[in-house]
């Protein structure tokens, strides 16, 4: 069930990539391609590919994330909030994910 509050990712052109707190087919296609390119090290250092097992399927999942740096610390920030799929997957595997 989708949250009742407004998804900030559904503004402007981003609505092509996200709807109802989930990626669209285009969003999945672009993210998948970007994950492959990022995994090869061909993207800026601000991007990384996080790989973890899906909590329901058990399949390996690749997610491209932006690394935010603040006070010499690196943080991964979820654009879709605390309940995003990649965050749920990382929690389900006890934080065992590869970057």
Protein backbone atom coordinates (compact mmCIF):
# COMPACT_ATOMS: atom_id res chain seq x y z
CA UNK A 1 0.00 0.00 0.00
CA UNK A 2 1.40 3.39 -1.02
CA UNK A 3 1.80 6.09 1.63
CA UNK A 4 -0.91 8.75 1.68
CA UNK A 5 1.51 11.67 1.57
CA UNK A 6 2.84 13.21 -1.65
CA UNK A 7 5.88 11.68 -3.33
CA UNK A 8 8.47 14.47 -3.88
CA UNK A 9 9.94 12.49 -6.79
CA UNK A 10 6.75 12.97 -8.81
CA UNK A 11 7.51 16.57 -9.77
CA UNK A 12 8.39 17.64 -13.29
CA UNK A 13 10.37 15.19 -15.39
CA UNK A 14 10.98 12.90 -12.39
CA UNK A 15 7.45 11.58 -12.72
CA UNK A 16 8.71 9.70 -15.79
CA UNK A 17 10.92 7.68 -13.44
CA UNK A 18 8.81 7.38 -10.26
CA UNK A 19 5.08 6.94 -9.57
CA UNK A 20 3.35 6.00 -6.34
CA UNK A 21 6.69 5.68 -4.51
CA UNK A 22 7.93 3.08 -7.01
CA UNK A 23 10.10 3.27 -10.12
CA UNK A 24 8.33 3.16 -13.49
CA UNK A 25 9.49 0.85 -16.29
CA UNK A 26 11.57 3.69 -17.70
CA UNK A 27 13.01 4.33 -14.24
CA UNK A 28 14.01 0.67 -13.89
CA UNK A 29 15.56 0.64 -17.37
CA UNK A 30 17.60 3.81 -16.80
CA UNK A 31 18.65 2.77 -13.29
CA UNK A 32 19.72 -0.66 -14.54
CA UNK A 33 21.85 0.84 -17.31
CA UNK A 34 23.34 3.37 -14.92
CA UNK A 35 24.11 0.59 -12.41
CA UNK A 36 26.09 -1.31 -15.05
CA UNK A 37 28.06 1.78 -16.10
CA UNK A 38 28.66 2.79 -12.47
CA UNK A 39 29.77 -0.74 -11.60
CA UNK A 40 32.46 -0.43 -14.26
CA UNK A 41 33.71 2.77 -12.63
CA UNK A 42 32.72 4.95 -15.59
CA UNK A 43 30.61 7.46 -13.65
CA UNK A 44 31.62 10.33 -11.36
CA UNK A 45 32.82 9.34 -7.88
CA UNK A 46 29.64 10.80 -6.40
CA UNK A 47 27.75 7.77 -7.77
CA UNK A 48 28.11 4.21 -6.57
CA UNK A 49 26.34 0.94 -7.22
CA UNK A 50 25.02 -0.76 -4.09
CA UNK A 51 24.46 -4.49 -4.45
CA UNK A 52 22.34 -6.55 -2.04
CA UNK A 53 19.90 -9.47 -2.06
CA UNK A 54 16.21 -8.71 -2.47
CA UNK A 55 14.35 -9.42 0.76
CA UNK A 56 11.56 -11.37 -0.96
CA UNK A 57 13.11 -12.72 -4.14
CA UNK A 58 16.62 -13.38 -2.85
CA UNK A 59 17.97 -12.15 -6.20
CA UNK A 60 20.90 -9.77 -6.35
CA UNK A 61 19.75 -6.17 -6.73
CA UNK A 62 21.85 -3.29 -8.00
CA UNK A 63 20.91 0.25 -7.07
CA UNK A 64 22.73 3.40 -8.14
CA UNK A 65 23.02 5.91 -5.31
CA UNK A 66 24.54 9.32 -4.81
CA UNK A 67 27.14 9.63 -2.08
CA UNK A 68 26.75 12.79 -0.03
CA UNK A 69 29.80 14.01 1.87
CA UNK A 70 29.53 16.11 5.03
CA UNK A 71 32.27 16.78 7.61
CA UNK A 72 34.53 14.17 6.00
CA UNK A 73 31.85 11.50 6.36
CA UNK A 74 30.07 9.76 3.46
CA UNK A 75 26.32 9.18 3.53
CA UNK A 76 23.87 7.37 1.28
CA UNK A 77 20.65 9.34 0.99
CA UNK A 78 17.33 7.90 -0.10
CA UNK A 79 15.45 10.20 -2.45
CA UNK A 80 12.24 8.27 -1.74
CA UNK A 81 12.54 8.44 2.04
CA UNK A 82 13.02 5.94 4.81
CA UNK A 83 10.79 3.26 3.26
CA UNK A 84 12.51 2.99 -0.12
CA UNK A 85 13.02 -0.50 -1.48
CA UNK A 86 16.81 -0.41 -1.33
CA UNK A 87 16.74 0.65 2.32
CA UNK A 88 14.27 -2.13 3.16
CA UNK A 89 16.50 -4.66 1.37
CA UNK A 90 19.64 -3.49 3.20
CA UNK A 91 17.84 -3.72 6.54
CA UNK A 92 16.51 -7.19 5.70
CA UNK A 93 20.03 -8.50 5.10
CA UNK A 94 21.35 -6.93 8.28
CA UNK A 95 23.28 -4.18 6.47
CA UNK A 96 25.26 -6.67 4.38
CA UNK A 97 25.57 -4.92 1.05
CA UNK A 98 28.47 -4.20 -1.28
CA UNK A 99 29.28 -0.82 -2.75
